[in-house]
Amino acid sequence: MALSLFTVGQLIFLFWTMRITEASPDPAAKAAPAAAAAPAAAAPDTASDAAAAAALTAANAAAAAKLTADNAAAAAAATARG
C-alpha cells in the first residue's frame, strides 16, 4: 500500500511540475522564435557587442559556479552535522 501511495505521489508531482512548466515556459525557449524571425537582431553588430556578450556570459558562468560551490558547501556542512 505504501508503495502505491508513493507512486501516486510521484505521478501527482510529475503532472504538477509539467503544468507549471507549461504555464511559464523557459524564457530562452520563447526567445528562440523571435531570434529566428530577426536573425540580424540576434547576431552582434560589432566586435564590442560580441565582447559585451562574452563578458556577460562569463559573469553568468562565474555566478553559477559560485552558487554551485555555495550549495555544495552547505550540503557538506549539513552532512557533517549529521
N, C-alpha and C. Protein backbone atom coordinates (compact mmCIF):
# COMPACT_ATOMS: atom_id res chain seq x y z
N MET A 1 0.82 -1.19 0.00
CA MET A 1 0.00 0.00 0.00
C MET A 1 0.86 1.25 0.00
N ALA A 2 1.93 1.24 0.80
CA ALA A 2 2.80 2.42 0.87
C ALA A 2 3.47 2.67 -0.47
N LEU A 3 3.85 1.61 -1.15
CA LEU A 3 4.50 1.78 -2.45
C LEU A 3 3.54 2.39 -3.46
N SER A 4 2.31 1.96 -3.45
CA SER A 4 1.36 2.51 -4.40
C SER A 4 1.05 3.98 -4.08
N LEU A 5 0.97 4.34 -2.80
CA LEU A 5 0.76 5.74 -2.45
C LEU A 5 1.96 6.58 -2.87
N PHE A 6 3.15 6.01 -2.71
CA PHE A 6 4.36 6.71 -3.15
C PHE A 6 4.32 6.94 -4.66
N THR A 7 3.92 5.93 -5.41
CA THR A 7 3.83 6.04 -6.87
C THR A 7 2.79 7.08 -7.27
N VAL A 8 1.66 7.08 -6.60
CA VAL A 8 0.63 8.09 -6.89
C VAL A 8 1.18 9.48 -6.59
N GLY A 9 1.91 9.61 -5.50
CA GLY A 9 2.52 10.90 -5.16
C GLY A 9 3.50 11.35 -6.22
N GLN A 10 4.30 10.42 -6.74
CA GLN A 10 5.24 10.77 -7.80
C GLN A 10 4.51 11.23 -9.05
N LEU A 11 3.44 10.54 -9.41
CA LEU A 11 2.68 10.94 -10.60
C LEU A 11 2.05 12.32 -10.42
N ILE A 12 1.51 12.58 -9.24
CA ILE A 12 0.93 13.90 -8.98
C ILE A 12 2.01 14.97 -9.11
N PHE A 13 3.18 14.72 -8.52
CA PHE A 13 4.27 15.68 -8.61
C PHE A 13 4.70 15.88 -10.06
N LEU A 14 4.78 14.80 -10.83
CA LEU A 14 5.18 14.89 -12.23
C LEU A 14 4.22 15.78 -13.01
N PHE A 15 2.93 15.51 -12.89
CA PHE A 15 1.96 16.30 -13.64
C PHE A 15 1.90 17.74 -13.14
N TRP A 16 2.12 17.94 -11.85
CA TRP A 16 2.13 19.29 -11.29
C TRP A 16 3.29 20.09 -11.87
N THR A 17 4.49 19.48 -11.94
CA THR A 17 5.64 20.19 -12.50
C THR A 17 5.46 20.42 -13.99
N MET A 18 4.84 19.48 -14.69
CA MET A 18 4.59 19.69 -16.12
C MET A 18 3.65 20.87 -16.32
N ARG A 19 2.64 21.00 -15.47
CA ARG A 19 1.69 22.09 -15.59
C ARG A 19 2.37 23.43 -15.32
N ILE A 20 3.25 23.47 -14.34
CA ILE A 20 3.98 24.71 -14.04
C ILE A 20 4.88 25.07 -15.21
N THR A 21 5.55 24.07 -15.79
CA THR A 21 6.44 24.33 -16.91
C THR A 21 5.68 24.86 -18.11
N GLU A 22 4.50 24.32 -18.37
CA GLU A 22 3.70 24.80 -19.49
C GLU A 22 3.17 26.20 -19.23
N ALA A 23 2.87 26.52 -17.97
CA ALA A 23 2.32 27.83 -17.64
C ALA A 23 3.38 28.92 -17.75
N SER A 24 4.62 28.60 -17.42
CA SER A 24 5.70 29.59 -17.51
C SER A 24 6.90 28.95 -18.20
N PRO A 25 6.88 28.91 -19.53
CA PRO A 25 7.98 28.25 -20.25
C PRO A 25 9.29 29.00 -20.09
N ASP A 26 10.35 28.33 -20.43
CA ASP A 26 11.69 28.88 -20.34
C ASP A 26 11.79 30.15 -21.19
N PRO A 27 12.31 31.26 -20.65
CA PRO A 27 12.44 32.48 -21.44
C PRO A 27 13.30 32.28 -22.69
N ALA A 28 14.31 31.42 -22.60
CA ALA A 28 15.16 31.18 -23.76
C ALA A 28 14.37 30.49 -24.87
N ALA A 29 13.44 29.62 -24.48
CA ALA A 29 12.61 28.94 -25.48
C ALA A 29 11.67 29.92 -26.17
N LYS A 30 11.19 30.92 -25.42
CA LYS A 30 10.33 31.93 -26.03
C LYS A 30 11.13 32.86 -26.93
N ALA A 31 12.40 33.08 -26.59
CA ALA A 31 13.23 34.00 -27.37
C ALA A 31 13.70 33.37 -28.67
N ALA A 32 13.76 32.04 -28.74
CA ALA A 32 14.27 31.37 -29.94
C ALA A 32 13.47 31.69 -31.19
N PRO A 33 12.13 31.64 -31.19
CA PRO A 33 11.40 32.00 -32.40
C PRO A 33 11.61 33.46 -32.80
N ALA A 34 11.74 34.35 -31.82
CA ALA A 34 11.97 35.76 -32.14
C ALA A 34 13.34 35.94 -32.78
N ALA A 35 14.33 35.20 -32.29
CA ALA A 35 15.67 35.30 -32.87
C ALA A 35 15.69 34.73 -34.28
N ALA A 36 14.92 33.68 -34.52
CA ALA A 36 14.85 33.11 -35.86
C ALA A 36 14.14 34.06 -36.82
N ALA A 37 13.16 34.80 -36.32
CA ALA A 37 12.43 35.73 -37.18
C ALA A 37 13.28 36.94 -37.55
N ALA A 38 14.18 37.34 -36.67
CA ALA A 38 15.03 38.50 -36.93
C ALA A 38 16.49 38.13 -36.70
N PRO A 39 17.11 37.41 -37.66
CA PRO A 39 18.49 36.96 -37.44
C PRO A 39 19.48 38.11 -37.32
N ALA A 40 19.21 39.25 -37.97
CA ALA A 40 20.14 40.38 -37.87
C ALA A 40 20.16 40.93 -36.45
N ALA A 41 19.04 40.89 -35.78
CA ALA A 41 18.98 41.41 -34.41
C ALA A 41 19.66 40.46 -33.43
N ALA A 42 19.70 39.19 -33.76
CA ALA A 42 20.28 38.21 -32.85
C ALA A 42 21.80 38.20 -32.93
N ALA A 43 22.36 38.52 -34.11
CA ALA A 43 23.80 38.50 -34.28
C ALA A 43 24.41 39.82 -33.80
N PRO A 44 25.56 39.78 -33.13
CA PRO A 44 26.19 41.03 -32.72
C PRO A 44 26.62 41.85 -33.93
N ASP A 45 26.40 43.16 -33.85
CA ASP A 45 26.73 44.03 -34.98
C ASP A 45 28.20 44.39 -35.01
N THR A 46 28.80 44.52 -33.86
CA THR A 46 30.20 44.96 -33.80
C THR A 46 30.98 44.06 -32.87
N ALA A 47 32.28 44.25 -32.90
CA ALA A 47 33.15 43.49 -32.01
C ALA A 47 32.88 43.84 -30.55
N SER A 48 32.51 45.10 -30.30
CA SER A 48 32.23 45.49 -28.91
C SER A 48 30.97 44.79 -28.39
N ASP A 49 29.97 44.60 -29.28
CA ASP A 49 28.78 43.86 -28.87
C ASP A 49 29.14 42.42 -28.53
N ALA A 50 29.99 41.83 -29.34
CA ALA A 50 30.42 40.46 -29.08
C ALA A 50 31.21 40.38 -27.78
N ALA A 51 32.05 41.37 -27.53
CA ALA A 51 32.83 41.38 -26.29
C ALA A 51 31.91 41.55 -25.08
N ALA A 52 30.91 42.41 -25.20
CA ALA A 52 29.97 42.60 -24.10
C ALA A 52 29.18 41.31 -23.84
N ALA A 53 28.78 40.63 -24.90
CA ALA A 53 28.06 39.37 -24.74
C ALA A 53 28.96 38.32 -24.09
N ALA A 54 30.23 38.28 -24.48
CA ALA A 54 31.16 37.33 -23.88
C ALA A 54 31.38 37.64 -22.40
N ALA A 55 31.47 38.93 -22.06
CA ALA A 55 31.66 39.31 -20.66
C ALA A 55 30.43 38.94 -19.83
N LEU A 56 29.25 39.15 -20.39
CA LEU A 56 28.03 38.79 -19.68
C LEU A 56 27.95 37.28 -19.48
N THR A 57 28.32 36.53 -20.50
CA THR A 57 28.32 35.07 -20.38
C THR A 57 29.30 34.61 -19.31
N ALA A 58 30.48 35.22 -19.29
CA ALA A 58 31.48 34.86 -18.28
C ALA A 58 30.98 35.20 -16.88
N ALA A 59 30.32 36.35 -16.74
CA ALA A 59 29.79 36.74 -15.42
C ALA A 59 28.71 35.77 -14.98
N ASN A 60 27.85 35.37 -15.90
CA ASN A 60 26.80 34.40 -15.56
C ASN A 60 27.40 33.06 -15.17
N ALA A 61 28.43 32.64 -15.89
CA ALA A 61 29.08 31.36 -15.57
C ALA A 61 29.74 31.43 -14.20
N ALA A 62 30.37 32.57 -13.89
CA ALA A 62 31.00 32.72 -12.57
C ALA A 62 29.96 32.70 -11.46
N ALA A 63 28.83 33.36 -11.69
CA ALA A 63 27.76 33.37 -10.68
C ALA A 63 27.20 31.96 -10.48
N ALA A 64 27.04 31.23 -11.57
CA ALA A 64 26.53 29.86 -11.46
C ALA A 64 27.53 28.96 -10.72
N ALA A 65 28.82 29.15 -11.00
CA ALA A 65 29.84 28.36 -10.32
C ALA A 65 29.86 28.68 -8.83
N LYS A 66 29.72 29.95 -8.48
CA LYS A 66 29.69 30.34 -7.06
C LYS A 66 28.47 29.74 -6.36
N LEU A 67 27.33 29.80 -7.02
CA LEU A 67 26.11 29.23 -6.43
C LEU A 67 26.27 27.73 -6.21
N THR A 68 26.86 27.05 -7.19
CA THR A 68 27.08 25.61 -7.06
C THR A 68 28.03 25.30 -5.91
N ALA A 69 29.10 26.09 -5.80
CA ALA A 69 30.06 25.88 -4.71
C ALA A 69 29.41 26.15 -3.36
N ASP A 70 28.60 27.20 -3.27
CA ASP A 70 27.91 27.51 -2.02
C ASP A 70 26.96 26.38 -1.63
N ASN A 71 26.23 25.87 -2.61
CA ASN A 71 25.30 24.77 -2.33
C ASN A 71 26.05 23.51 -1.89
N ALA A 72 27.18 23.24 -2.53
CA ALA A 72 27.97 22.07 -2.16
C ALA A 72 28.52 22.23 -0.74
N ALA A 73 28.97 23.45 -0.41
CA ALA A 73 29.49 23.69 0.94
C ALA A 73 28.39 23.54 1.98
N ALA A 74 27.20 24.05 1.67
CA ALA A 74 26.08 23.92 2.61
C ALA A 74 25.69 22.46 2.79
N ALA A 75 25.70 21.70 1.71
CA ALA A 75 25.36 20.28 1.80
C ALA A 75 26.41 19.53 2.61
N ALA A 76 27.69 19.87 2.40
CA ALA A 76 28.75 19.22 3.16
C ALA A 76 28.64 19.55 4.64
N ALA A 77 28.31 20.81 4.95
CA ALA A 77 28.17 21.19 6.36
C ALA A 77 26.98 20.47 7.00
N ALA A 78 25.89 20.36 6.26
CA ALA A 78 24.71 19.67 6.79
C ALA A 78 25.01 18.19 7.01
N THR A 79 25.78 17.61 6.10
CA THR A 79 26.14 16.20 6.24
C THR A 79 27.07 15.99 7.43
N ALA A 80 28.00 16.93 7.63
CA ALA A 80 28.95 16.81 8.74
C ALA A 80 28.24 16.94 10.08
N ARG A 81 27.20 17.78 10.14
CA ARG A 81 26.45 17.95 11.38
C ARG A 81 25.66 16.69 11.72
N GLY A 82 25.27 15.98 10.66
CA GLY A 82 24.52 14.74 10.90
C GLY A 82 23.11 15.04 11.01
